[in-house]
C-alpha atoms as a PDB file:
ATOM      1  CA  MET A   1     186.548 -72.003  14.097  1.00  0.00           C
ATOM      2  CA  MET A   2     185.383 -75.280  14.762  1.00  0.00           C
ATOM      3  CA  SER A   3     185.416 -77.959  12.133  1.00  0.00           C
ATOM      4  CA  GLY A   4     183.684 -81.307  12.635  1.00  0.00           C
ATOM      5  CA  PRO A   5     180.193 -81.814  14.059  1.00  0.00           C
ATOM      6  CA  THR A   6     178.435 -78.714  15.811  1.00  0.00           C
ATOM      7  CA  ALA A   7     179.041 -78.512  19.373  1.00  0.00           C
ATOM      8  CA  VAL A   8     175.420 -76.705  20.018  1.00  0.00           C
ATOM      9  CA  SER A   9     172.237 -76.562  17.661  1.00  0.00           C
ATOM     10  CA  ILE A  10     169.554 -73.906  17.972  1.00  0.00           C
ATOM     11  CA  MET A  11     166.372 -74.783  16.391  1.00  0.00           C
ATOM     12  CA  ARG A  12     163.049 -72.765  16.098  1.00  0.00           C
ATOM     13  CA  GLN A  13     159.844 -74.088  17.051  1.00  0.00           C
ATOM     14  CA  GLY A  14     157.102 -71.063  16.716  1.00  0.00           C
ATOM     15  CA  HIS A  15     158.282 -68.265  19.300  1.00  0.00           C
ATOM     16  CA  ASP A  16     160.351 -70.739  21.325  1.00  0.00           C
ATOM     17  CA  LEU A  17     164.165 -71.576  20.637  1.00  0.00           C
ATOM     18  CA  ILE A  18     165.547 -74.875  21.477  1.00  0.00           C
ATOM     19  CA  ALA A  19     169.449 -74.969  21.962  1.00  0.00           C
ATOM     20  CA  SER A  20     170.919 -78.541  22.380  1.00  0.00           C
ATOM     21  CA  VAL A  21     174.526 -78.736  23.621  1.00  0.00           C
ATOM     22  CA  HIS A  22     176.155 -81.662  22.012  1.00  0.00           C
ATOM     23  CA  THR A  23     179.538 -81.736  23.713  1.00  0.00           C
ATOM     24  CA  ALA A  24     181.705 -80.198  26.267  1.00  0.00           C
ATOM     25  CA  LEU A  25     182.551 -76.521  25.373  1.00  0.00           C
ATOM     26  CA  ASP A  26     185.087 -74.376  25.990  1.00  0.00           C
ATOM     27  CA  ASP A  27     185.170 -71.156  27.161  1.00  0.00           C
ATOM     28  CA  SER A  28     185.321 -69.228  23.857  1.00  0.00           C
ATOM     29  CA  GLN A  29     182.769 -71.625  22.474  1.00  0.00           C
ATOM     30  CA  LEU A  30     180.435 -70.766  25.533  1.00  0.00           C
ATOM     31  CA  ALA A  31     180.802 -66.970  24.787  1.00  0.00           C
ATOM     32  CA  ARG A  32     180.148 -67.317  20.965  1.00  0.00           C
ATOM     33  CA  PHE A  33     176.895 -69.469  22.174  1.00  0.00           C
ATOM     34  CA  GLN A  34     175.827 -66.550  24.326  1.00  0.00           C
ATOM     35  CA  GLN A  35     176.196 -63.983  21.588  1.00  0.00           C
ATOM     36  CA  ASP A  36     174.435 -66.378  19.042  1.00  0.00           C
ATOM     37  CA  LEU A  37     171.587 -67.039  21.605  1.00  0.00           C
ATOM     38  CA  ASN A  38     171.102 -63.338  22.251  1.00  0.00           C
ATOM     39  CA  GLN A  39     171.029 -62.517  18.403  1.00  0.00           C
ATOM     40  CA  ARG A  40     168.775 -65.159  17.646  1.00  0.00           C
ATOM     41  CA  ILE A  41     166.078 -63.963  20.624  1.00  0.00           C
ATOM     42  CA  GLY A  42     165.720 -60.778  19.009  1.00  0.00           C
ATOM     43  CA  GLU A  43     165.651 -62.150  15.254  1.00  0.00           C
ATOM     44  CA  HIS A  44     162.707 -64.563  16.197  1.00  0.00           C
ATOM     45  CA  ARG A  45     160.561 -62.430  18.871  1.00  0.00           C
ATOM     46  CA  THR A  46     161.336 -65.202  20.916  1.00  0.00           C
ATOM     47  CA  ARG A  47     159.229 -65.826  23.891  1.00  0.00           C
ATOM     48  CA  ARG A  48     160.885 -68.978  25.298  1.00  0.00           C
ATOM     49  CA  VAL A  49     164.293 -70.101  25.441  1.00  0.00           C
ATOM     50  CA  ILE A  50     165.289 -74.177  26.375  1.00  0.00           C
ATOM     51  CA  ILE A  51     168.910 -74.945  26.760  1.00  0.00           C
ATOM     52  CA  ASP A  52     169.361 -78.697  26.833  1.00  0.00           C
ATOM     53  CA  VAL A  53     172.736 -79.704  28.607  1.00  0.00           C
ATOM     54  CA  GLU A  54     172.009 -83.291  28.740  1.00  0.00           C
ATOM     55  CA  ALA A  55     175.190 -84.054  27.214  1.00  0.00           C
ATOM     56  CA  LEU A  56     177.596 -82.128  29.481  1.00  0.00           C
ATOM     57  CA  ASP A  57     179.016 -84.157  32.132  1.00  0.00           C
ATOM     58  CA  VAL A  58     180.898 -80.973  33.989  1.00  0.00           C
ATOM     59  CA  VAL A  59     179.296 -77.639  34.326  1.00  0.00           C
ATOM     60  CA  ASP A  60     181.892 -75.164  35.547  1.00  0.00           C
ATOM     61  CA  SER A  61     181.525 -71.957  37.180  1.00  0.00           C
ATOM     62  CA  PHE A  62     182.234 -70.244  33.931  1.00  0.00           C
ATOM     63  CA  ALA A  63     179.487 -72.404  32.144  1.00  0.00           C
ATOM     64  CA  ALA A  64     177.122 -71.549  35.266  1.00  0.00           C
ATOM     65  CA  LYS A  65     177.884 -67.783  34.506  1.00  0.00           C
ATOM     66  CA  ILE A  66     176.913 -68.041  31.000  1.00  0.00           C
ATOM     67  CA  LEU A  67     173.702 -70.013  31.657  1.00  0.00           C
ATOM     68  CA  SER A  68     173.029 -67.540  34.323  1.00  0.00           C
ATOM     69  CA  ALA A  69     173.687 -64.469  31.672  1.00  0.00           C
ATOM     70  CA  CYS A  70     171.750 -66.261  29.094  1.00  0.00           C
ATOM     71  CA  ALA A  71     168.880 -66.115  31.283  1.00  0.00           C
ATOM     72  CA  THR A  72     169.051 -62.563  32.114  1.00  0.00           C
ATOM     73  CA  LEU A  73     169.521 -61.530  28.574  1.00  0.00           C
ATOM     74  CA  ALA A  74     166.536 -63.485  27.457  1.00  0.00           C
ATOM     75  CA  ARG A  75     164.318 -61.810  30.282  1.00  0.00           C
ATOM     76  CA  LEU A  76     165.696 -58.427  29.423  1.00  0.00           C
ATOM     77  CA  ARG A  77     164.527 -59.430  25.814  1.00  0.00           C
ATOM     78  CA  GLY A  78     161.128 -60.487  26.824  1.00  0.00           C
ATOM     79  CA  ALA A  79     161.756 -64.294  26.902  1.00  0.00           C
ATOM     80  CA  GLU A  80     162.102 -66.955  29.807  1.00  0.00           C
ATOM     81  CA  LEU A  81     164.809 -69.176  29.574  1.00  0.00           C
ATOM     82  CA  THR A  82     164.768 -72.839  31.154  1.00  0.00           C
ATOM     83  CA  VAL A  83     167.829 -75.260  31.413  1.00  0.00           C
ATOM     84  CA  VAL A  84     167.159 -79.101  31.077  1.00  0.00           C
ATOM     85  CA  GLY A  85     168.934 -82.215  31.238  1.00  0.00           C
ATOM     86  CA  ILE A  86     171.222 -81.573  34.051  1.00  0.00           C
ATOM     87  CA  GLN A  87     172.901 -84.943  34.894  1.00  0.00           C
ATOM     88  CA  PRO A  88     172.559 -86.021  38.407  1.00  0.00           C
ATOM     89  CA  ASP A  89     176.209 -85.997  39.418  1.00  0.00           C
ATOM     90  CA  VAL A  90     176.495 -82.348  37.544  1.00  0.00           C
ATOM     91  CA  ALA A  91     173.583 -81.395  39.803  1.00  0.00           C
ATOM     92  CA  LEU A  92     175.269 -82.622  43.041  1.00  0.00           C
ATOM     93  CA  THR A  93     178.388 -81.181  42.289  1.00  0.00           C
ATOM     94  CA  MET A  94     176.887 -77.915  41.491  1.00  0.00           C
ATOM     95  CA  VAL A  95     175.112 -77.821  44.760  1.00  0.00           C
ATOM     96  CA  GLU A  96     178.362 -78.831  46.580  1.00  0.00           C
ATOM     97  CA  VAL A  97     180.487 -76.042  45.221  1.00  0.00           C
ATOM     98  CA  GLY A  98     177.787 -73.307  45.066  1.00  0.00           C
ATOM     99  CA  LEU A  99     177.029 -73.131  41.583  1.00  0.00           C
ATOM    100  CA  THR A 100     173.472 -71.929  40.284  1.00  0.00           C
ATOM    101  CA  THR A 101     171.665 -71.132  37.139  1.00  0.00           C
ATOM    102  CA  GLY A 102     170.609 -67.735  38.264  1.00  0.00           C
ATOM    103  CA  VAL A 103     167.391 -66.632  37.171  1.00  0.00           C
ATOM    104  CA  ALA A 104     166.948 -69.734  34.900  1.00  0.00           C
ATOM    105  CA  HIS A 105     164.227 -71.904  35.299  1.00  0.00           C
ATOM    106  CA  THR A 106     165.108 -75.553  35.300  1.00  0.00           C
ATOM    107  CA  ALA A 107     163.381 -78.838  34.262  1.00  0.00           C
ATOM    108  CA  LEU A 108     164.224 -82.398  34.225  1.00  0.00           C
ATOM    109  CA  ASP A 109     164.019 -82.859  30.506  1.00  0.00           C
ATOM    110  CA  LEU A 110     162.672 -81.264  27.284  1.00  0.00           C
ATOM    111  CA  GLU A 111     159.192 -82.956  27.904  1.00  0.00           C
ATOM    112  CA  ASP A 112     158.909 -81.622  31.289  1.00  0.00           C
ATOM    113  CA  SER A 113     160.021 -78.180  30.063  1.00  0.00           C
ATOM    114  CA  MET A 114     157.243 -78.249  27.599  1.00  0.00           C
ATOM    115  CA  ASP A 115     154.758 -79.642  30.021  1.00  0.00           C
ATOM    116  CA  GLN A 116     155.552 -76.726  32.299  1.00  0.00           C
ATOM    117  CA  SER A 117     154.668 -74.151  29.680  1.00  0.00           C
ATOM    118  CA  GLY A 118     151.545 -72.013  30.945  1.00  0.00           C
ATOM    119  CA  ARG A 119     151.690 -73.347  34.552  1.00  0.00           C
ATOM    120  CA  PRO A 120     153.134 -71.022  37.037  1.00  0.00           C
ATOM    121  CA  ARG A 121     156.979 -71.694  37.940  1.00  0.00           C
ATOM    122  CA  LEU A 122     158.498 -71.884  41.418  1.00  0.00           C
ATOM    123  CA  ARG A 123     161.019 -69.425  41.807  1.00  0.00           C
ATOM    124  CA  PRO A 124     164.657 -70.293  43.224  1.00  0.00           C
ATOM    125  CA  THR A 125     165.143 -69.229  46.845  1.00  0.00           C
END
């Protein structure tokens, strides 16, 4: 169990969940986050999940896999998932090594994600 500040906070805003990643997460913390998020989606009858990863300066293959799995789990439970705040260098590295967020939507930041609600979204090709 971690001591000190929380690595991820999950807040409820109506039928939305907003998860903010505050620091780099190891693989066990990422897996725990996935479990916690999946549980909270059902508890709160969530329609939309936003994961803010602005604090991350690295997204490795396992983290990308977890984000993709979270998006798939959310969709199976009736919610859409958007990842926001991917740093420019992180995005470039993800493209260079072929990592994606799978079926997750992406947005520049939290404000952009909120602006997109209700508008059709472009699907990754």
